[in-house]
């Protein structure tokens, strides 16, 4: 699960970087290439979501070392929200493209449309996609803060367990 965590982080960060760079460059071809890259990495996030959910059900829930009921509820709620956004963001992006009457490609395959072309719907879906991205950013910052809290305050090894171990 640690490897999947970091691959997901890489895909989310790459998707975000590509779309942010796209807003700053000129040239139709480059902008289209960046948008396609954004879509591909978003679809990778969607695939990774399903892989992570299947593995979580197969491997079971990780034991929680958090003794406080309130903190356990907060941690669980945050993880559920993160997973929900890892599902919602790619689907919103895919549906936005469809509503804009733009096909979504994934390694040469044209994916089926989730919605019909509709300009008003496209605007609404794009707004939801952007709002969800901001919410994801907030939750990621909260997640990072919690990891640092585990490391520096609780000193419980949680952060070390999530980092790749160096071989000597």
C-alpha atoms as a PDB file:
ATOM      1  CA  UNK A   1       0.000   0.000   0.000  1.00  0.00           C
ATOM      2  CA  UNK A   2       2.938   2.336   0.606  1.00  0.00           C
ATOM      3  CA  UNK A   3       4.043   2.057  -3.022  1.00  0.00           C
ATOM      4  CA  UNK A   4       0.483   2.719  -4.235  1.00  0.00           C
ATOM      5  CA  UNK A   5       0.297   5.741  -1.929  1.00  0.00           C
ATOM      6  CA  UNK A   6       3.397   7.316  -3.475  1.00  0.00           C
ATOM      7  CA  UNK A   7       2.420   6.407  -7.057  1.00  0.00           C
ATOM      8  CA  UNK A   8      -0.937   8.089  -6.409  1.00  0.00           C
ATOM      9  CA  UNK A   9       0.834  11.156  -5.001  1.00  0.00           C
ATOM     10  CA  UNK A  10       3.036  11.285  -8.107  1.00  0.00           C
ATOM     11  CA  UNK A  11       0.049  11.001 -10.466  1.00  0.00           C
ATOM     12  CA  UNK A  12      -2.008  13.636  -8.625  1.00  0.00           C
ATOM     13  CA  UNK A  13       0.937  16.065  -8.510  1.00  0.00           C
ATOM     14  CA  UNK A  14       1.746  15.474 -12.184  1.00  0.00           C
ATOM     15  CA  UNK A  15      -1.881  15.988 -13.257  1.00  0.00           C
ATOM     16  CA  UNK A  16      -2.000  19.222 -11.257  1.00  0.00           C
ATOM     17  CA  UNK A  17       1.341  20.448 -12.590  1.00  0.00           C
ATOM     18  CA  UNK A  18       0.392  19.759 -16.211  1.00  0.00           C
ATOM     19  CA  UNK A  19      -2.865  21.699 -16.013  1.00  0.00           C
ATOM     20  CA  UNK A  20      -1.241  24.601 -14.146  1.00  0.00           C
ATOM     21  CA  UNK A  21       1.570  24.795 -16.712  1.00  0.00           C
ATOM     22  CA  UNK A  22      -1.016  24.650 -19.514  1.00  0.00           C
ATOM     23  CA  UNK A  23      -2.575  27.856 -18.230  1.00  0.00           C
ATOM     24  CA  UNK A  24       0.784  29.622 -18.564  1.00  0.00           C
ATOM     25  CA  UNK A  25       1.878  28.604 -22.073  1.00  0.00           C
ATOM     26  CA  UNK A  26       0.931  29.666 -25.560  1.00  0.00           C
ATOM     27  CA  UNK A  27       0.600  27.430 -28.562  1.00  0.00           C
ATOM     28  CA  UNK A  28      -2.354  25.244 -29.311  1.00  0.00           C
ATOM     29  CA  UNK A  29      -0.328  22.056 -29.800  1.00  0.00           C
ATOM     30  CA  UNK A  30       1.570  22.365 -26.527  1.00  0.00           C
ATOM     31  CA  UNK A  31      -1.594  23.274 -24.614  1.00  0.00           C
ATOM     32  CA  UNK A  32      -3.418  20.254 -26.083  1.00  0.00           C
ATOM     33  CA  UNK A  33      -0.494  17.961 -25.221  1.00  0.00           C
ATOM     34  CA  UNK A  34      -0.521  19.248 -21.624  1.00  0.00           C
ATOM     35  CA  UNK A  35      -4.295  18.739 -21.389  1.00  0.00           C
ATOM     36  CA  UNK A  36      -3.974  15.165 -22.691  1.00  0.00           C
ATOM     37  CA  UNK A  37      -1.225  14.520 -20.143  1.00  0.00           C
ATOM     38  CA  UNK A  38      -3.471  15.923 -17.412  1.00  0.00           C
ATOM     39  CA  UNK A  39      -6.267  13.593 -18.521  1.00  0.00           C
ATOM     40  CA  UNK A  40      -3.970  10.553 -18.659  1.00  0.00           C
ATOM     41  CA  UNK A  41      -2.606  11.123 -15.172  1.00  0.00           C
ATOM     42  CA  UNK A  42      -6.135  11.774 -13.914  1.00  0.00           C
ATOM     43  CA  UNK A  43      -7.234   8.448 -15.373  1.00  0.00           C
ATOM     44  CA  UNK A  44      -4.239   6.782 -13.718  1.00  0.00           C
ATOM     45  CA  UNK A  45      -5.522   8.209 -10.419  1.00  0.00           C
ATOM     46  CA  UNK A  46      -8.917   6.650 -11.151  1.00  0.00           C
ATOM     47  CA  UNK A  47      -7.346   3.248 -11.854  1.00  0.00           C
ATOM     48  CA  UNK A  48      -5.199   3.510  -8.725  1.00  0.00           C
ATOM     49  CA  UNK A  49      -8.306   4.358  -6.708  1.00  0.00           C
ATOM     50  CA  UNK A  50      -9.903   1.050  -7.692  1.00  0.00           C
ATOM     51  CA  UNK A  51      -6.679  -0.902  -7.093  1.00  0.00           C
ATOM     52  CA  UNK A  52      -6.341   0.673  -3.630  1.00  0.00           C
ATOM     53  CA  UNK A  53      -9.972  -0.023  -2.701  1.00  0.00           C
ATOM     54  CA  UNK A  54      -9.730  -3.662  -3.798  1.00  0.00           C
ATOM     55  CA  UNK A  55      -6.486  -4.127  -1.870  1.00  0.00           C
ATOM     56  CA  UNK A  56      -7.894  -2.416   1.206  1.00  0.00           C
ATOM     57  CA  UNK A  57     -10.845  -4.816   1.239  1.00  0.00           C
ATOM     58  CA  UNK A  58      -8.607  -7.830   0.629  1.00  0.00           C
ATOM     59  CA  UNK A  59      -5.933  -6.867   3.157  1.00  0.00           C
ATOM     60  CA  UNK A  60      -8.340  -5.486   5.713  1.00  0.00           C
ATOM     61  CA  UNK A  61      -8.213  -2.299   7.712  1.00  0.00           C
ATOM     62  CA  UNK A  62      -4.856  -1.289   9.121  1.00  0.00           C
ATOM     63  CA  UNK A  63      -4.720  -1.357  12.916  1.00  0.00           C
ATOM     64  CA  UNK A  64      -5.018   2.121  14.368  1.00  0.00           C
ATOM     65  CA  UNK A  65      -2.640   3.196  17.087  1.00  0.00           C
ATOM     66  CA  UNK A  66      -4.680   6.318  17.734  1.00  0.00           C
ATOM     67  CA  UNK A  67      -6.175   5.988  21.198  1.00  0.00           C
ATOM     68  CA  UNK A  68      -8.405   9.047  21.104  1.00  0.00           C
ATOM     69  CA  UNK A  69     -11.835   8.255  19.668  1.00  0.00           C
ATOM     70  CA  UNK A  70     -12.168  11.802  18.314  1.00  0.00           C
ATOM     71  CA  UNK A  71      -8.799  11.649  16.523  1.00  0.00           C
ATOM     72  CA  UNK A  72      -9.633   8.206  15.121  1.00  0.00           C
ATOM     73  CA  UNK A  73     -12.912   9.579  13.735  1.00  0.00           C
ATOM     74  CA  UNK A  74     -11.069  12.585  12.267  1.00  0.00           C
ATOM     75  CA  UNK A  75      -8.431  10.363  10.645  1.00  0.00           C
ATOM     76  CA  UNK A  76     -11.031   7.965   9.236  1.00  0.00           C
ATOM     77  CA  UNK A  77     -13.179  10.825   7.931  1.00  0.00           C
ATOM     78  CA  UNK A  78     -10.179  12.450   6.264  1.00  0.00           C
ATOM     79  CA  UNK A  79      -9.167   9.192   4.580  1.00  0.00           C
ATOM     80  CA  UNK A  80     -12.720   8.582   3.347  1.00  0.00           C
ATOM     81  CA  UNK A  81     -12.842  12.135   1.954  1.00  0.00           C
ATOM     82  CA  UNK A  82      -9.456  11.674   0.254  1.00  0.00           C
ATOM     83  CA  UNK A  83     -10.624   8.437  -1.361  1.00  0.00           C
ATOM     84  CA  UNK A  84     -13.913  10.042  -2.427  1.00  0.00           C
ATOM     85  CA  UNK A  85     -12.007  12.845  -4.142  1.00  0.00           C
ATOM     86  CA  UNK A  86      -9.605  10.401  -5.818  1.00  0.00           C
ATOM     87  CA  UNK A  87     -12.729   8.909  -7.389  1.00  0.00           C
ATOM     88  CA  UNK A  88     -14.697  12.108  -7.998  1.00  0.00           C
ATOM     89  CA  UNK A  89     -11.983  14.304  -9.532  1.00  0.00           C
ATOM     90  CA  UNK A  90     -11.134  12.018 -12.475  1.00  0.00           C
ATOM     91  CA  UNK A  91     -14.810  11.276 -13.121  1.00  0.00           C
ATOM     92  CA  UNK A  92     -15.672  14.990 -13.024  1.00  0.00           C
ATOM     93  CA  UNK A  93     -12.819  15.733 -15.425  1.00  0.00           C
ATOM     94  CA  UNK A  94     -13.894  12.962 -17.786  1.00  0.00           C
ATOM     95  CA  UNK A  95     -17.523  14.119 -17.682  1.00  0.00           C
ATOM     96  CA  UNK A  96     -16.448  17.746 -18.197  1.00  0.00           C
ATOM     97  CA  UNK A  97     -14.582  16.801 -21.368  1.00  0.00           C
ATOM     98  CA  UNK A  98     -17.600  14.854 -22.612  1.00  0.00           C
ATOM     99  CA  UNK A  99     -19.953  17.750 -21.855  1.00  0.00           C
ATOM    100  CA  UNK A 100     -17.589  19.999 -23.848  1.00  0.00           C
ATOM    101  CA  UNK A 101     -18.023  17.501 -26.711  1.00  0.00           C
ATOM    102  CA  UNK A 102     -14.357  16.489 -26.456  1.00  0.00           C
ATOM    103  CA  UNK A 103     -13.463  12.802 -26.493  1.00  0.00           C
ATOM    104  CA  UNK A 104     -11.319  11.377 -23.708  1.00  0.00           C
ATOM    105  CA  UNK A 105      -8.463   9.180 -24.881  1.00  0.00           C
ATOM    106  CA  UNK A 106      -6.392   6.804 -22.799  1.00  0.00           C
ATOM    107  CA  UNK A 107      -3.404   5.313 -24.591  1.00  0.00           C
ATOM    108  CA  UNK A 108      -5.097   5.359 -27.967  1.00  0.00           C
ATOM    109  CA  UNK A 109      -8.476   4.171 -26.744  1.00  0.00           C
ATOM    110  CA  UNK A 110     -11.419   6.536 -26.922  1.00  0.00           C
ATOM    111  CA  UNK A 111     -13.346   6.153 -23.691  1.00  0.00           C
ATOM    112  CA  UNK A 112     -17.144   6.131 -23.724  1.00  0.00           C
ATOM    113  CA  UNK A 113     -18.915   9.373 -22.939  1.00  0.00           C
ATOM    114  CA  UNK A 114     -20.258   9.684 -19.407  1.00  0.00           C
ATOM    115  CA  UNK A 115     -22.576  12.553 -20.374  1.00  0.00           C
ATOM    116  CA  UNK A 116     -23.871  14.150 -23.560  1.00  0.00           C
ATOM    117  CA  UNK A 117     -22.477  17.405 -24.929  1.00  0.00           C
ATOM    118  CA  UNK A 118     -24.022  20.336 -23.081  1.00  0.00           C
ATOM    119  CA  UNK A 119     -22.290  23.703 -22.592  1.00  0.00           C
ATOM    120  CA  UNK A 120     -24.135  24.585 -19.388  1.00  0.00           C
ATOM    121  CA  UNK A 121     -23.418  21.172 -17.902  1.00  0.00           C
ATOM    122  CA  UNK A 122     -19.769  21.495 -18.962  1.00  0.00           C
ATOM    123  CA  UNK A 123     -19.452  24.801 -17.100  1.00  0.00           C
ATOM    124  CA  UNK A 124     -21.032  23.315 -13.974  1.00  0.00           C
ATOM    125  CA  UNK A 125     -18.912  20.156 -14.069  1.00  0.00           C
ATOM    126  CA  UNK A 126     -15.743  22.169 -14.598  1.00  0.00           C
ATOM    127  CA  UNK A 127     -16.610  24.318 -11.576  1.00  0.00           C
ATOM    128  CA  UNK A 128     -17.161  21.157  -9.500  1.00  0.00           C
ATOM    129  CA  UNK A 129     -13.860  19.727 -10.773  1.00  0.00           C
ATOM    130  CA  UNK A 130     -11.957  22.858  -9.760  1.00  0.00           C
ATOM    131  CA  UNK A 131     -13.720  23.075  -6.382  1.00  0.00           C
ATOM    132  CA  UNK A 132     -12.958  19.412  -5.715  1.00  0.00           C
ATOM    133  CA  UNK A 133      -9.294  20.016  -6.588  1.00  0.00           C
ATOM    134  CA  UNK A 134      -9.110  22.820  -4.003  1.00  0.00           C
ATOM    135  CA  UNK A 135     -10.765  20.606  -1.398  1.00  0.00           C
ATOM    136  CA  UNK A 136      -8.286  17.839  -2.229  1.00  0.00           C
ATOM    137  CA  UNK A 137      -5.417  20.285  -1.745  1.00  0.00           C
ATOM    138  CA  UNK A 138      -6.781  21.238   1.678  1.00  0.00           C
ATOM    139  CA  UNK A 139      -7.141  17.601   2.704  1.00  0.00           C
ATOM    140  CA  UNK A 140      -3.648  16.788   1.441  1.00  0.00           C
ATOM    141  CA  UNK A 141      -2.237  19.628   3.547  1.00  0.00           C
ATOM    142  CA  UNK A 142      -4.177  18.303   6.549  1.00  0.00           C
ATOM    143  CA  UNK A 143      -2.846  14.806   5.790  1.00  0.00           C
ATOM    144  CA  UNK A 144       0.737  16.094   5.621  1.00  0.00           C
ATOM    145  CA  UNK A 145       0.229  17.999   8.866  1.00  0.00           C
ATOM    146  CA  UNK A 146      -1.063  14.835  10.539  1.00  0.00           C
ATOM    147  CA  UNK A 147       1.949  12.868   9.282  1.00  0.00           C
ATOM    148  CA  UNK A 148       4.296  15.499  10.718  1.00  0.00           C
ATOM    149  CA  UNK A 149       2.335  15.476  13.993  1.00  0.00           C
ATOM    150  CA  UNK A 150       2.770  11.696  14.181  1.00  0.00           C
ATOM    151  CA  UNK A 151       6.488  12.075  13.515  1.00  0.00           C
ATOM    152  CA  UNK A 152       7.438  15.030  15.698  1.00  0.00           C
ATOM    153  CA  UNK A 153       4.843  14.974  18.498  1.00  0.00           C
ATOM    154  CA  UNK A 154       3.719  11.362  18.879  1.00  0.00           C
ATOM    155  CA  UNK A 155       7.011   9.904  17.621  1.00  0.00           C
ATOM    156  CA  UNK A 156       5.160   6.719  16.712  1.00  0.00           C
ATOM    157  CA  UNK A 157       6.947   5.759  13.487  1.00  0.00           C
ATOM    158  CA  UNK A 158       3.937   6.346  11.224  1.00  0.00           C
ATOM    159  CA  UNK A 159       5.820   8.684   8.896  1.00  0.00           C
ATOM    160  CA  UNK A 160       8.868   6.416   8.797  1.00  0.00           C
ATOM    161  CA  UNK A 161       6.627   3.503   7.804  1.00  0.00           C
ATOM    162  CA  UNK A 162       5.321   5.525   4.839  1.00  0.00           C
ATOM    163  CA  UNK A 163       8.788   6.405   3.541  1.00  0.00           C
ATOM    164  CA  UNK A 164      10.841   4.059   1.431  1.00  0.00           C
ATOM    165  CA  UNK A 165      13.486   2.353   3.487  1.00  0.00           C
ATOM    166  CA  UNK A 166      17.082   2.803   2.419  1.00  0.00           C
ATOM    167  CA  UNK A 167      19.182  -0.273   1.894  1.00  0.00           C
ATOM    168  CA  UNK A 168      22.671  -0.255   3.323  1.00  0.00           C
END
